[in-house]
Amino acid sequence: MTDNNSMAKAAMEMAADVLVGDLQEEAKQKINRPAAYTSFFVKVIGYIDQLKIIPPDFKSLRTVMVGINKKTQSETEEEIKRHVPKTQSSVTPRDLEHWVQTAKRGDQIVYYTGTTFDKKMMNEASVFGRARSLAMDYDEVVKKKKNYQYRGHTKGEWGCNYTGIVDLVQEKVTNLQRDKEGNVISYPIYNYIMVKR
């Protein structure tokens, strides 16, 4: 039994002695079930925090439980850090170039995940620009002597010719979320996907 487990069991025994009513019975039932300790500790801490006058025994029990939960959380975080590979969390324009050269027809890569209205960081903006240039020859302002496959208007006239190398697709991951009053909590989140032609 590790040091943390023995401390947690001692805290459960203390809870079985100090607490009253349903919580005391629950502590006695869970005393030999270490997997249930953390959730029980959170429940007890919440109970103690809502009391107007906190007896000294409850105060010391709360201190012990909070300490054990913090230690368990830090150990879990360290364990995760050891097992999660150190990889980059975003795609670079160079990654897109390499992917286009090595991908087969129909292969897909998610080059960005976020909302349409996100402020994109410099790297994300350069990835968007590179993805667009791989998919189409895009002009923000229409050139008079150039034929375009598609022309559009969004705060001015623009045009593009598709390159036929890749297609860009937007796939909705989550919908728009609103609170009870109808205010927007979060906008829809999309995966921006590049598909090799």
Protein backbone atom coordinates (compact mmCIF):
# COMPACT_ATOMS: atom_id res chain seq x y z
CA MET A 1 0.00 0.00 0.00
CA THR A 2 1.47 3.36 -1.00
CA ASP A 3 1.89 6.23 1.40
CA ASN A 4 -0.92 8.18 -0.28
CA ASN A 5 -3.30 5.19 -0.02
CA SER A 6 -2.57 4.72 3.69
CA MET A 7 -3.17 8.44 4.32
CA ALA A 8 -6.44 8.24 2.38
CA LYS A 9 -7.55 5.17 4.36
CA ALA A 10 -6.70 6.99 7.60
CA ALA A 11 -8.82 9.95 6.40
CA MET A 12 -11.72 7.56 5.68
CA GLU A 13 -11.40 6.08 9.20
CA MET A 14 -11.36 9.61 10.60
CA ALA A 15 -14.49 10.43 8.55
CA ALA A 16 -16.23 7.31 9.90
CA ASP A 17 -15.49 8.53 13.44
CA VAL A 18 -16.19 12.27 13.02
CA LEU A 19 -19.12 12.44 10.58
CA VAL A 20 -22.73 11.72 11.49
CA GLY A 21 -25.76 10.28 9.72
CA ASP A 22 -25.67 9.19 6.08
CA LEU A 23 -22.12 10.44 5.50
CA GLN A 24 -20.84 8.37 8.41
CA GLU A 25 -22.55 5.25 7.04
CA GLU A 26 -21.20 5.95 3.56
CA ALA A 27 -17.67 6.36 4.99
CA LYS A 28 -17.97 2.98 6.75
CA GLN A 29 -19.16 1.32 3.53
CA LYS A 30 -16.38 2.80 1.39
CA ILE A 31 -13.52 2.40 3.86
CA ASN A 32 -12.12 -0.63 2.00
CA ARG A 33 -12.80 0.73 -1.50
CA PRO A 34 -9.89 3.09 -2.40
CA ALA A 35 -11.37 3.81 -5.84
CA ALA A 36 -14.31 5.57 -4.15
CA TYR A 37 -12.19 7.78 -1.85
CA THR A 38 -11.76 10.81 -4.12
CA SER A 39 -15.45 11.24 -4.96
CA PHE A 40 -16.37 10.73 -1.31
CA PHE A 41 -13.77 13.30 -0.21
CA VAL A 42 -15.22 15.84 -2.64
CA LYS A 43 -18.72 15.15 -1.29
CA VAL A 44 -17.57 15.59 2.32
CA ILE A 45 -15.60 18.78 1.53
CA GLY A 46 -18.72 20.21 -0.14
CA TYR A 47 -20.81 19.29 2.88
CA ILE A 48 -18.36 20.89 5.32
CA ASP A 49 -18.05 24.04 3.18
CA GLN A 50 -21.81 24.66 3.32
CA LEU A 51 -21.90 24.54 7.15
CA LYS A 52 -22.26 27.93 8.86
CA ILE A 53 -20.28 26.89 11.93
CA ILE A 54 -17.55 24.33 11.33
CA PRO A 55 -16.53 22.19 14.32
CA PRO A 56 -12.74 21.71 14.81
CA ASP A 57 -12.95 17.97 13.97
CA PHE A 58 -14.66 18.75 10.66
CA LYS A 59 -12.11 21.48 9.92
CA SER A 60 -9.17 19.10 10.41
CA LEU A 61 -10.94 16.37 8.39
CA ARG A 62 -11.47 18.85 5.56
CA THR A 63 -7.81 19.90 5.64
CA VAL A 64 -6.65 16.28 5.44
CA MET A 65 -9.05 15.44 2.59
CA VAL A 66 -8.12 18.53 0.55
CA GLY A 67 -4.43 17.71 0.99
CA ILE A 68 -4.93 14.11 -0.14
CA ASN A 69 -7.01 15.17 -3.17
CA LYS A 70 -4.36 17.73 -4.21
CA LYS A 71 -1.60 15.15 -3.86
CA THR A 72 -3.59 12.58 -5.84
CA GLN A 73 -4.30 15.14 -8.56
CA SER A 74 -0.64 16.14 -8.87
CA GLU A 75 0.42 12.47 -9.03
CA THR A 76 -2.17 11.83 -11.74
CA GLU A 77 -0.97 14.85 -13.73
CA GLU A 78 2.64 13.65 -13.49
CA GLU A 79 1.60 10.18 -14.63
CA ILE A 80 -0.22 11.65 -17.62
CA LYS A 81 2.80 13.80 -18.53
CA ARG A 82 5.00 10.69 -18.55
CA HIS A 83 2.69 8.78 -20.89
CA VAL A 84 1.47 11.47 -23.28
CA PRO A 85 3.88 11.88 -26.19
CA LYS A 86 5.33 15.33 -26.69
CA THR A 87 3.73 16.29 -29.98
CA GLN A 88 2.83 19.59 -31.49
CA SER A 89 -0.79 20.58 -31.08
CA SER A 90 -1.17 22.29 -34.43
CA VAL A 91 -0.27 21.80 -38.06
CA THR A 92 2.33 23.98 -39.78
CA PRO A 93 2.40 25.05 -43.45
CA ARG A 94 5.38 22.71 -43.92
CA ASP A 95 3.29 19.81 -42.53
CA LEU A 96 0.62 20.57 -45.15
CA GLU A 97 3.24 20.58 -47.93
CA HIS A 98 4.59 17.23 -46.79
CA TRP A 99 1.10 15.80 -46.45
CA VAL A 100 0.13 16.88 -50.00
CA GLN A 101 3.25 15.17 -51.40
CA THR A 102 2.72 11.90 -49.50
CA ALA A 103 -1.08 11.59 -49.28
CA LYS A 104 -3.12 9.31 -51.52
CA ARG A 105 -6.38 10.23 -53.24
CA GLY A 106 -9.18 10.56 -50.65
CA ASP A 107 -6.84 11.00 -47.64
CA GLN A 108 -7.89 13.69 -45.18
CA ILE A 109 -6.11 15.91 -42.66
CA VAL A 110 -7.70 18.20 -40.07
CA TYR A 111 -5.64 21.36 -40.27
CA TYR A 112 -7.63 23.42 -37.76
CA THR A 113 -10.40 22.99 -35.20
CA GLY A 114 -12.26 26.01 -33.89
CA THR A 115 -15.06 28.50 -34.50
CA THR A 116 -15.42 30.65 -37.58
CA PHE A 117 -14.98 33.78 -35.46
CA ASP A 118 -11.79 32.72 -33.64
CA LYS A 119 -8.91 35.14 -33.71
CA LYS A 120 -6.28 33.03 -35.41
CA MET A 121 -2.70 33.16 -34.19
CA MET A 122 0.10 33.81 -36.68
CA ASN A 123 0.81 30.11 -37.28
CA GLU A 124 -2.88 29.27 -37.71
CA ALA A 125 -3.35 32.16 -40.15
CA SER A 126 -0.36 30.97 -42.21
CA VAL A 127 -1.77 27.42 -42.23
CA PHE A 128 -5.13 28.77 -43.47
CA GLY A 129 -3.36 30.78 -46.16
CA ARG A 130 -1.32 27.76 -47.29
CA ALA A 131 -4.41 25.51 -47.32
CA ARG A 132 -6.26 28.06 -49.45
CA SER A 133 -3.33 28.40 -51.87
CA LEU A 134 -3.16 24.60 -52.25
CA ALA A 135 -6.89 24.43 -53.00
CA MET A 136 -7.30 27.50 -55.19
CA ASP A 137 -5.67 30.43 -56.89
CA TYR A 138 -7.41 33.15 -54.88
CA ASP A 139 -7.45 36.90 -55.54
CA GLU A 140 -8.95 39.19 -52.92
CA VAL A 141 -9.53 41.78 -55.63
CA VAL A 142 -10.70 40.62 -59.07
CA LYS A 143 -8.20 41.21 -61.88
CA LYS A 144 -9.85 42.46 -65.08
CA LYS A 145 -7.96 40.28 -67.58
CA LYS A 146 -8.24 37.04 -65.65
CA ASN A 147 -10.98 34.40 -66.02
CA TYR A 148 -12.30 32.98 -62.79
CA GLN A 149 -14.17 29.76 -62.10
CA TYR A 150 -15.92 31.40 -59.15
CA ARG A 151 -16.56 35.01 -58.18
CA GLY A 152 -18.12 36.23 -54.98
CA HIS A 153 -18.92 39.27 -52.88
CA THR A 154 -18.02 39.69 -49.23
CA LYS A 155 -17.12 43.31 -48.55
CA GLY A 156 -15.84 43.60 -52.12
CA GLU A 157 -15.47 41.40 -55.16
CA TRP A 158 -13.11 38.42 -55.16
CA GLY A 159 -12.41 35.50 -57.44
CA CYS A 160 -10.74 32.09 -57.49
CA ASN A 161 -9.69 29.23 -59.75
CA TYR A 162 -9.55 25.77 -58.18
CA THR A 163 -6.21 23.97 -58.52
CA GLY A 164 -7.53 20.40 -58.38
CA ILE A 165 -4.89 19.35 -55.83
CA VAL A 166 -7.04 19.34 -52.69
CA ASP A 167 -10.57 20.17 -51.55
CA LEU A 168 -11.31 22.10 -48.37
CA VAL A 169 -14.20 20.92 -46.21
CA GLN A 170 -15.76 22.29 -43.03
CA GLU A 171 -17.29 19.67 -40.71
CA LYS A 172 -19.39 20.78 -37.72
CA VAL A 173 -18.22 19.24 -34.42
CA THR A 174 -20.57 21.05 -32.00
CA ASN A 175 -23.61 23.25 -32.52
CA LEU A 176 -24.22 26.81 -31.37
CA GLN A 177 -24.95 26.83 -27.64
CA ARG A 178 -27.25 29.32 -25.92
CA ASP A 179 -28.21 29.86 -22.30
CA LYS A 180 -31.82 29.98 -21.04
CA GLU A 181 -32.12 33.68 -21.92
CA GLY A 182 -31.02 33.04 -25.51
CA ASN A 183 -27.54 34.54 -25.20
CA VAL A 184 -24.80 32.80 -27.18
CA ILE A 185 -22.52 30.77 -24.91
CA SER A 186 -20.35 29.37 -27.69
CA TYR A 187 -20.43 29.41 -31.46
CA PRO A 188 -20.38 26.22 -33.53
CA ILE A 189 -16.99 24.49 -33.62
CA TYR A 190 -15.76 23.09 -36.91
CA ASN A 191 -13.00 20.80 -38.11
CA TYR A 192 -11.36 22.36 -41.15
CA ILE A 193 -10.36 19.41 -43.31
CA MET A 194 -8.20 19.11 -46.40
CA VAL A 195 -9.02 16.18 -48.73
CA LYS A 196 -6.51 15.00 -51.35
CA ARG A 197 -7.97 14.79 -54.89
